[in-house]
Amino acid sequence: MRRLIILAALVTAGCGIQPTGVLDGGEAPTGVAPGVTLYFVDGRGELRPNLTESGELGDVAGALDLLLRTSDPPGLRSDLRRVSSLGPKVTVAGDTITVALPLAPGEVGPRGVDQVTCTAAGVRRQAGAREPVTVVVSFTDGSDGGPRTCPPR
C-alpha cells in the first residue's frame, strides 16, 4: 500500500506542469454598460440600435433625453425633432413605461414613436426587466398612440 502511495505521488508530481506566480488578469468585469443603446432610423427606414457612449447605462428618462438632444450618428437619422428645453417626462409602473414627449404629433416622423419605444424598452431590459415592456408615448396635445412594444408590430 505504501508503494502505491509513493508511486501515485511520483506520477502526479512529474506531470510537467510548472508552478507559476500570481497572474494579473486585468480589470474585473463590472456588468456596467459603457453607454446606452439609442434607436435611430437607417436609409431604408428601418430602426437600428446605436451604442452612445456615456459611461453608464443610466435610466429611461436619461436615455430618452439623450435621444432628443444628441446629433445623428453617421448613416442614421432621427424622426424626432431635437429639443433644447424640457426633456421627456417618464413614469415607470410595473411593465409599463409612460413617456410624455415635449413635442406635438407633427414634430415626430413616422418612426419617431418607434425610436422612443425601442430606446425605453431597451434600457429597461438592460437594467434587468424580466417581463416584456409596454411603452405609451403621449404628446403635448394630450394624444397618445396607445401601448406599443419593441420590436414594433
N, C-alpha and C. Protein backbone atom coordinates (compact mmCIF):
# COMPACT_ATOMS: atom_id res chain seq x y z
N MET A 1 0.82 -1.19 0.00
CA MET A 1 0.00 0.00 0.00
C MET A 1 0.87 1.26 0.00
N ARG A 2 1.93 1.18 0.79
CA ARG A 2 2.84 2.33 0.88
C ARG A 2 3.49 2.60 -0.48
N ARG A 3 3.83 1.54 -1.20
CA ARG A 3 4.43 1.70 -2.52
C ARG A 3 3.46 2.37 -3.49
N LEU A 4 2.19 2.03 -3.40
CA LEU A 4 1.18 2.64 -4.27
C LEU A 4 1.06 4.14 -4.00
N ILE A 5 1.12 4.53 -2.76
CA ILE A 5 1.03 5.95 -2.41
C ILE A 5 2.24 6.70 -2.93
N ILE A 6 3.42 6.12 -2.77
CA ILE A 6 4.65 6.76 -3.27
C ILE A 6 4.61 6.84 -4.79
N LEU A 7 4.17 5.77 -5.45
CA LEU A 7 4.08 5.75 -6.90
C LEU A 7 3.09 6.82 -7.39
N ALA A 8 1.95 6.93 -6.74
CA ALA A 8 0.96 7.94 -7.12
C ALA A 8 1.51 9.35 -6.93
N ALA A 9 2.26 9.57 -5.86
CA ALA A 9 2.85 10.88 -5.61
C ALA A 9 3.89 11.22 -6.67
N LEU A 10 4.69 10.26 -7.07
CA LEU A 10 5.70 10.49 -8.10
C LEU A 10 5.06 10.77 -9.46
N VAL A 11 4.01 10.03 -9.79
CA VAL A 11 3.34 10.21 -11.08
C VAL A 11 2.71 11.60 -11.16
N THR A 12 2.02 12.02 -10.12
CA THR A 12 1.36 13.33 -10.16
C THR A 12 2.37 14.46 -10.06
N ALA A 13 3.48 14.26 -9.41
CA ALA A 13 4.49 15.32 -9.30
C ALA A 13 5.22 15.52 -10.61
N GLY A 14 5.26 14.52 -11.43
CA GLY A 14 6.02 14.62 -12.67
C GLY A 14 5.15 14.85 -13.89
N CYS A 15 4.01 15.49 -13.76
CA CYS A 15 3.11 15.64 -14.90
C CYS A 15 3.50 16.79 -15.81
N GLY A 16 4.54 17.54 -15.51
CA GLY A 16 5.04 18.56 -16.42
C GLY A 16 4.45 19.95 -16.23
N ILE A 17 3.58 20.14 -15.29
CA ILE A 17 3.02 21.47 -15.06
C ILE A 17 3.90 22.20 -14.06
N GLN A 18 4.42 23.32 -14.47
CA GLN A 18 5.31 24.09 -13.62
C GLN A 18 4.50 25.09 -12.79
N PRO A 19 4.86 25.31 -11.56
CA PRO A 19 4.16 26.30 -10.75
C PRO A 19 4.44 27.71 -11.27
N THR A 20 3.47 28.59 -11.12
CA THR A 20 3.63 29.98 -11.54
C THR A 20 3.24 30.89 -10.39
N GLY A 21 3.62 32.14 -10.54
CA GLY A 21 3.21 33.14 -9.55
C GLY A 21 1.79 33.61 -9.86
N VAL A 22 1.38 34.62 -9.16
CA VAL A 22 0.06 35.19 -9.37
C VAL A 22 0.05 35.93 -10.71
N LEU A 23 -0.97 35.67 -11.53
CA LEU A 23 -1.09 36.32 -12.83
C LEU A 23 -2.14 37.42 -12.75
N ASP A 24 -1.85 38.58 -13.34
CA ASP A 24 -2.80 39.69 -13.38
C ASP A 24 -3.72 39.49 -14.57
N GLY A 25 -5.00 39.38 -14.31
CA GLY A 25 -5.98 39.18 -15.38
C GLY A 25 -6.64 40.47 -15.82
N GLY A 26 -6.17 41.61 -15.36
CA GLY A 26 -6.78 42.88 -15.74
C GLY A 26 -7.96 43.23 -14.85
N GLU A 27 -8.71 44.22 -15.28
CA GLU A 27 -9.86 44.68 -14.51
C GLU A 27 -10.95 43.62 -14.48
N ALA A 28 -11.59 43.48 -13.34
CA ALA A 28 -12.71 42.55 -13.23
C ALA A 28 -13.91 43.13 -13.96
N PRO A 29 -14.73 42.29 -14.58
CA PRO A 29 -15.92 42.81 -15.25
C PRO A 29 -16.88 43.38 -14.21
N THR A 30 -17.51 44.49 -14.56
CA THR A 30 -18.43 45.13 -13.62
C THR A 30 -19.88 44.92 -13.99
N GLY A 31 -20.15 44.59 -15.24
CA GLY A 31 -21.53 44.46 -15.67
C GLY A 31 -22.16 45.78 -16.04
N VAL A 32 -21.41 46.87 -15.92
CA VAL A 32 -21.94 48.19 -16.24
C VAL A 32 -21.68 48.47 -17.71
N ALA A 33 -22.71 48.88 -18.41
CA ALA A 33 -22.60 49.18 -19.83
C ALA A 33 -21.74 50.42 -20.05
N PRO A 34 -20.99 50.47 -21.16
CA PRO A 34 -20.20 51.66 -21.46
C PRO A 34 -21.04 52.82 -21.96
N GLY A 35 -22.30 52.57 -22.16
CA GLY A 35 -23.18 53.62 -22.66
C GLY A 35 -24.60 53.09 -22.76
N VAL A 36 -25.40 53.82 -23.50
CA VAL A 36 -26.81 53.49 -23.64
C VAL A 36 -27.10 53.23 -25.11
N THR A 37 -27.99 52.29 -25.38
CA THR A 37 -28.38 51.99 -26.75
C THR A 37 -29.57 52.86 -27.12
N LEU A 38 -29.36 53.72 -28.11
CA LEU A 38 -30.42 54.57 -28.65
C LEU A 38 -30.80 54.02 -30.02
N TYR A 39 -32.05 54.15 -30.38
CA TYR A 39 -32.51 53.67 -31.68
C TYR A 39 -32.67 54.82 -32.65
N PHE A 40 -32.13 54.62 -33.86
CA PHE A 40 -32.21 55.60 -34.94
C PHE A 40 -32.78 54.91 -36.17
N VAL A 41 -32.95 55.68 -37.24
CA VAL A 41 -33.54 55.17 -38.48
C VAL A 41 -32.45 55.17 -39.56
N ASP A 42 -32.36 54.04 -40.29
CA ASP A 42 -31.37 53.98 -41.37
C ASP A 42 -31.97 54.49 -42.68
N GLY A 43 -31.21 54.42 -43.76
CA GLY A 43 -31.64 54.93 -45.06
C GLY A 43 -32.84 54.22 -45.65
N ARG A 44 -33.12 53.00 -45.19
CA ARG A 44 -34.29 52.25 -45.68
C ARG A 44 -35.50 52.42 -44.77
N GLY A 45 -35.36 53.25 -43.73
CA GLY A 45 -36.48 53.46 -42.82
C GLY A 45 -36.59 52.42 -41.72
N GLU A 46 -35.55 51.60 -41.55
CA GLU A 46 -35.55 50.57 -40.51
C GLU A 46 -34.89 51.10 -39.25
N LEU A 47 -35.38 50.64 -38.09
CA LEU A 47 -34.76 51.02 -36.82
C LEU A 47 -33.44 50.30 -36.66
N ARG A 48 -32.45 51.02 -36.14
CA ARG A 48 -31.13 50.46 -35.88
C ARG A 48 -30.65 50.90 -34.51
N PRO A 49 -30.19 49.94 -33.69
CA PRO A 49 -29.62 50.32 -32.39
C PRO A 49 -28.25 50.95 -32.59
N ASN A 50 -27.93 51.90 -31.74
CA ASN A 50 -26.62 52.56 -31.80
C ASN A 50 -26.15 52.82 -30.38
N LEU A 51 -25.00 52.23 -30.01
CA LEU A 51 -24.45 52.45 -28.68
C LEU A 51 -23.88 53.85 -28.61
N THR A 52 -24.42 54.65 -27.71
CA THR A 52 -23.94 56.01 -27.49
C THR A 52 -23.17 56.00 -26.18
N GLU A 53 -21.88 56.22 -26.25
CA GLU A 53 -21.05 56.12 -25.06
C GLU A 53 -21.34 57.27 -24.10
N SER A 54 -21.70 56.89 -22.89
CA SER A 54 -21.99 57.87 -21.85
C SER A 54 -21.30 57.48 -20.54
N GLY A 55 -20.68 56.31 -20.52
CA GLY A 55 -20.01 55.85 -19.32
C GLY A 55 -20.93 55.15 -18.34
N GLU A 56 -22.23 55.10 -18.66
CA GLU A 56 -23.19 54.43 -17.78
C GLU A 56 -24.42 54.05 -18.57
N LEU A 57 -25.16 53.09 -18.05
CA LEU A 57 -26.40 52.70 -18.68
C LEU A 57 -27.46 53.77 -18.45
N GLY A 58 -27.51 54.31 -17.24
CA GLY A 58 -28.50 55.34 -16.94
C GLY A 58 -29.90 54.78 -16.81
N ASP A 59 -30.88 55.68 -16.88
CA ASP A 59 -32.28 55.27 -16.77
C ASP A 59 -33.03 55.65 -18.04
N VAL A 60 -34.31 55.30 -18.08
CA VAL A 60 -35.11 55.55 -19.28
C VAL A 60 -35.19 57.04 -19.58
N ALA A 61 -35.45 57.87 -18.57
CA ALA A 61 -35.56 59.31 -18.79
C ALA A 61 -34.27 59.89 -19.36
N GLY A 62 -33.14 59.47 -18.82
CA GLY A 62 -31.86 59.97 -19.31
C GLY A 62 -31.58 59.54 -20.74
N ALA A 63 -31.92 58.29 -21.07
CA ALA A 63 -31.71 57.79 -22.43
C ALA A 63 -32.59 58.55 -23.43
N LEU A 64 -33.85 58.78 -23.07
CA LEU A 64 -34.75 59.49 -23.98
C LEU A 64 -34.35 60.96 -24.11
N ASP A 65 -33.88 61.54 -23.03
CA ASP A 65 -33.40 62.92 -23.10
C ASP A 65 -32.21 63.00 -24.07
N LEU A 66 -31.32 62.03 -23.98
CA LEU A 66 -30.17 61.97 -24.89
C LEU A 66 -30.63 61.77 -26.33
N LEU A 67 -31.63 60.91 -26.53
CA LEU A 67 -32.17 60.67 -27.87
C LEU A 67 -32.71 61.95 -28.49
N LEU A 68 -33.34 62.80 -27.67
CA LEU A 68 -33.93 64.04 -28.17
C LEU A 68 -32.90 65.16 -28.36
N ARG A 69 -31.72 65.00 -27.81
CA ARG A 69 -30.72 66.08 -27.86
C ARG A 69 -29.47 65.75 -28.68
N THR A 70 -29.17 64.49 -28.85
CA THR A 70 -27.91 64.12 -29.50
C THR A 70 -27.99 64.27 -31.01
N SER A 71 -26.84 64.45 -31.63
CA SER A 71 -26.82 64.53 -33.09
C SER A 71 -26.88 63.11 -33.67
N ASP A 72 -27.29 63.02 -34.91
CA ASP A 72 -27.45 61.73 -35.56
C ASP A 72 -26.09 61.07 -35.81
N PRO A 73 -25.99 59.77 -35.54
CA PRO A 73 -24.76 59.04 -35.87
C PRO A 73 -24.60 58.95 -37.39
N PRO A 74 -23.39 58.72 -37.87
CA PRO A 74 -23.18 58.59 -39.32
C PRO A 74 -24.06 57.50 -39.93
N GLY A 75 -24.73 57.83 -41.02
CA GLY A 75 -25.57 56.87 -41.73
C GLY A 75 -26.94 56.64 -41.12
N LEU A 76 -27.24 57.32 -40.03
CA LEU A 76 -28.53 57.16 -39.36
C LEU A 76 -29.17 58.53 -39.17
N ARG A 77 -30.47 58.53 -38.92
CA ARG A 77 -31.18 59.79 -38.67
C ARG A 77 -32.23 59.56 -37.59
N SER A 78 -32.76 60.66 -37.09
CA SER A 78 -33.83 60.59 -36.10
C SER A 78 -35.11 61.14 -36.71
N ASP A 79 -36.23 60.53 -36.38
CA ASP A 79 -37.53 61.04 -36.79
C ASP A 79 -38.16 61.86 -35.66
N LEU A 80 -37.33 62.37 -34.78
CA LEU A 80 -37.78 63.21 -33.67
C LEU A 80 -37.13 64.58 -33.80
N ARG A 81 -37.92 65.63 -33.61
CA ARG A 81 -37.33 66.97 -33.63
C ARG A 81 -36.45 67.12 -32.40
N ARG A 82 -35.31 67.74 -32.57
CA ARG A 82 -34.40 67.99 -31.45
C ARG A 82 -35.03 69.00 -30.49
N VAL A 83 -34.76 68.83 -29.22
CA VAL A 83 -35.25 69.76 -28.21
C VAL A 83 -34.06 70.40 -27.51
N SER A 84 -34.28 71.61 -27.02
CA SER A 84 -33.22 72.28 -26.27
C SER A 84 -33.70 72.70 -24.89
N SER A 85 -34.99 72.55 -24.63
CA SER A 85 -35.51 72.94 -23.32
C SER A 85 -35.88 71.69 -22.52
N LEU A 86 -37.12 71.53 -22.21
CA LEU A 86 -37.57 70.41 -21.39
C LEU A 86 -37.41 69.08 -22.10
N GLY A 87 -37.02 68.08 -21.35
CA GLY A 87 -36.93 66.73 -21.89
C GLY A 87 -38.23 65.98 -21.65
N PRO A 88 -38.25 64.70 -21.92
CA PRO A 88 -39.47 63.91 -21.72
C PRO A 88 -39.73 63.65 -20.24
N LYS A 89 -41.00 63.45 -19.92
CA LYS A 89 -41.37 63.04 -18.56
C LYS A 89 -41.66 61.55 -18.63
N VAL A 90 -41.01 60.78 -17.78
CA VAL A 90 -41.12 59.32 -17.83
C VAL A 90 -41.66 58.79 -16.51
N THR A 91 -42.63 57.89 -16.61
CA THR A 91 -43.17 57.20 -15.44
C THR A 91 -43.09 55.71 -15.71
N VAL A 92 -42.57 54.96 -14.75
CA VAL A 92 -42.48 53.51 -14.87
C VAL A 92 -43.36 52.90 -13.80
N ALA A 93 -44.30 52.06 -14.23
CA ALA A 93 -45.18 51.36 -13.30
C ALA A 93 -45.26 49.90 -13.74
N GLY A 94 -44.56 49.03 -13.03
CA GLY A 94 -44.53 47.62 -13.40
C GLY A 94 -43.85 47.44 -14.74
N ASP A 95 -44.58 46.83 -15.69
CA ASP A 95 -44.01 46.60 -17.01
C ASP A 95 -44.46 47.63 -18.04
N THR A 96 -45.02 48.76 -17.57
CA THR A 96 -45.47 49.82 -18.47
C THR A 96 -44.66 51.09 -18.23
N ILE A 97 -44.14 51.64 -19.33
CA ILE A 97 -43.41 52.91 -19.29
C ILE A 97 -44.27 53.94 -20.01
N THR A 98 -44.57 55.04 -19.34
CA THR A 98 -45.33 56.13 -19.96
C THR A 98 -44.37 57.28 -20.20
N VAL A 99 -44.33 57.75 -21.46
CA VAL A 99 -43.42 58.81 -21.86
C VAL A 99 -44.23 59.98 -22.39
N ALA A 100 -44.10 61.13 -21.75
CA ALA A 100 -44.72 62.36 -22.24
C ALA A 100 -43.64 63.16 -22.96
N LEU A 101 -43.72 63.17 -24.29
CA LEU A 101 -42.72 63.91 -25.08
C LEU A 101 -43.04 65.39 -25.08
N PRO A 102 -42.02 66.24 -25.09
CA PRO A 102 -42.25 67.69 -25.18
C PRO A 102 -42.43 68.12 -26.64
N LEU A 103 -43.14 67.29 -27.41
CA LEU A 103 -43.33 67.51 -28.83
C LEU A 103 -44.79 67.33 -29.21
N ALA A 104 -45.21 68.03 -30.25
CA ALA A 104 -46.54 67.83 -30.84
C ALA A 104 -46.45 66.66 -31.82
N PRO A 105 -47.56 66.01 -32.14
CA PRO A 105 -47.51 64.89 -33.08
C PRO A 105 -46.86 65.24 -34.42
N GLY A 106 -47.03 66.46 -34.89
CA GLY A 106 -46.45 66.88 -36.16
C GLY A 106 -44.94 67.03 -36.13
N GLU A 107 -44.34 67.01 -34.93
CA GLU A 107 -42.89 67.14 -34.80
C GLU A 107 -42.19 65.78 -34.71
N VAL A 108 -42.98 64.74 -34.91
CA VAL A 108 -42.46 63.38 -34.82
C VAL A 108 -42.73 62.67 -36.14
N GLY A 109 -41.66 62.17 -36.78
CA GLY A 109 -41.82 61.46 -38.04
C GLY A 109 -42.41 60.08 -37.85
N PRO A 110 -42.62 59.36 -38.96
CA PRO A 110 -43.27 58.06 -38.90
C PRO A 110 -42.60 57.04 -37.98
N ARG A 111 -41.29 57.08 -37.84
CA ARG A 111 -40.60 56.10 -36.99
C ARG A 111 -40.19 56.68 -35.64
N GLY A 112 -40.53 57.94 -35.37
CA GLY A 112 -40.13 58.57 -34.12
C GLY A 112 -40.66 57.89 -32.88
N VAL A 113 -41.95 57.51 -32.90
CA VAL A 113 -42.52 56.84 -31.73
C VAL A 113 -41.85 55.47 -31.54
N ASP A 114 -41.52 54.80 -32.64
CA ASP A 114 -40.80 53.52 -32.54
C ASP A 114 -39.41 53.73 -31.93
N GLN A 115 -38.74 54.82 -32.28
CA GLN A 115 -37.43 55.12 -31.69
C GLN A 115 -37.56 55.25 -30.17
N VAL A 116 -38.57 56.00 -29.73
CA VAL A 116 -38.79 56.20 -28.29
C VAL A 116 -39.12 54.87 -27.63
N THR A 117 -40.02 54.11 -28.24
CA THR A 117 -40.45 52.83 -27.67
C THR A 117 -39.28 51.87 -27.51
N CYS A 118 -38.49 51.69 -28.56
CA CYS A 118 -37.39 50.73 -28.50
C CYS A 118 -36.26 51.19 -27.59
N THR A 119 -35.99 52.49 -27.56
CA THR A 119 -34.96 53.01 -26.65
C THR A 119 -35.39 52.78 -25.20
N ALA A 120 -36.64 53.13 -24.86
CA ALA A 120 -37.14 52.96 -23.49
C ALA A 120 -37.16 51.48 -23.10
N ALA A 121 -37.69 50.63 -23.97
CA ALA A 121 -37.78 49.21 -23.66
C ALA A 121 -36.38 48.60 -23.54
N GLY A 122 -35.46 49.03 -24.40
CA GLY A 122 -34.10 48.50 -24.35
C GLY A 122 -33.39 48.83 -23.05
N VAL A 123 -33.55 50.05 -22.57
CA VAL A 123 -32.92 50.43 -21.30
C VAL A 123 -33.48 49.60 -20.15
N ARG A 124 -34.80 49.39 -20.15
CA ARG A 124 -35.41 48.57 -19.09
C ARG A 124 -34.91 47.13 -19.14
N ARG A 125 -34.78 46.58 -20.36
CA ARG A 125 -34.27 45.21 -20.49
C ARG A 125 -32.83 45.13 -20.01
N GLN A 126 -32.00 46.10 -20.40
CA GLN A 126 -30.60 46.09 -19.97
C GLN A 126 -30.48 46.25 -18.46
N ALA A 127 -31.46 46.90 -17.85
CA ALA A 127 -31.45 47.09 -16.40
C ALA A 127 -31.99 45.87 -15.66
N GLY A 128 -32.44 44.85 -16.41
CA GLY A 128 -32.86 43.61 -15.77
C GLY A 128 -34.33 43.32 -15.77
N ALA A 129 -35.15 44.08 -16.49
CA ALA A 129 -36.59 43.80 -16.54
C ALA A 129 -36.80 42.40 -17.12
N ARG A 130 -37.64 41.62 -16.47
CA ARG A 130 -37.86 40.25 -16.92
C ARG A 130 -39.09 40.12 -17.80
N GLU A 131 -40.08 40.95 -17.57
CA GLU A 131 -41.30 40.87 -18.36
C GLU A 131 -41.14 41.70 -19.63
N PRO A 132 -41.93 41.41 -20.66
CA PRO A 132 -41.95 42.30 -21.82
C PRO A 132 -42.42 43.68 -21.38
N VAL A 133 -41.84 44.69 -21.97
CA VAL A 133 -42.14 46.07 -21.58
C VAL A 133 -43.09 46.69 -22.60
N THR A 134 -44.09 47.41 -22.09
CA THR A 134 -45.02 48.15 -22.93
C THR A 134 -44.74 49.63 -22.73
N VAL A 135 -44.77 50.39 -23.83
CA VAL A 135 -44.48 51.82 -23.77
C VAL A 135 -45.67 52.59 -24.34
N VAL A 136 -46.10 53.62 -23.61
CA VAL A 136 -47.16 54.52 -24.08
C VAL A 136 -46.52 55.90 -24.24
N VAL A 137 -46.58 56.44 -25.47
CA VAL A 137 -45.97 57.74 -25.77
C VAL A 137 -47.08 58.75 -25.99
N SER A 138 -47.02 59.86 -25.24
CA SER A 138 -48.01 60.93 -25.42
C SER A 138 -47.31 62.21 -25.87
N PHE A 139 -48.14 63.12 -26.40
CA PHE A 139 -47.63 64.37 -26.98
C PHE A 139 -48.19 65.57 -26.23
N THR A 140 -47.72 66.76 -26.60
CA THR A 140 -48.13 67.98 -25.90
C THR A 140 -49.61 68.28 -26.05
N ASP A 141 -50.27 67.74 -27.08
CA ASP A 141 -51.71 67.97 -27.24
C ASP A 141 -52.55 66.95 -26.46
N GLY A 142 -51.89 66.06 -25.71
CA GLY A 142 -52.60 65.08 -24.89
C GLY A 142 -52.88 63.76 -25.60
N SER A 143 -52.64 63.69 -26.89
CA SER A 143 -52.89 62.44 -27.62
C SER A 143 -51.77 61.43 -27.36
N ASP A 144 -52.09 60.16 -27.57
CA ASP A 144 -51.06 59.13 -27.49
C ASP A 144 -51.37 58.05 -28.52
N GLY A 145 -50.38 57.25 -28.80
CA GLY A 145 -50.53 56.20 -29.81
C GLY A 145 -50.92 54.86 -29.24
N GLY A 146 -51.30 54.83 -27.97
CA GLY A 146 -51.64 53.56 -27.34
C GLY A 146 -50.40 52.77 -26.97
N PRO A 147 -50.59 51.65 -26.30
CA PRO A 147 -49.45 50.85 -25.86
C PRO A 147 -48.71 50.23 -27.05
N ARG A 148 -47.39 50.24 -26.95
CA ARG A 148 -46.52 49.68 -28.00
C ARG A 148 -45.46 48.82 -27.37
N THR A 149 -44.90 47.94 -28.19
CA THR A 149 -43.78 47.11 -27.78
C THR A 149 -42.67 47.23 -28.81
N CYS A 150 -41.51 46.74 -28.47
CA CYS A 150 -40.39 46.72 -29.41
C CYS A 150 -39.92 45.27 -29.51
N PRO A 151 -39.80 44.74 -30.72
CA PRO A 151 -39.93 45.44 -32.00
C PRO A 151 -41.38 45.81 -32.29
N PRO A 152 -41.55 46.89 -33.08
CA PRO A 152 -42.91 47.34 -33.42
C PRO A 152 -43.69 46.25 -34.15
N ARG A 153 -44.96 46.18 -33.85
CA ARG A 153 -45.83 45.18 -34.53
C ARG A 153 -46.85 45.87 -35.38
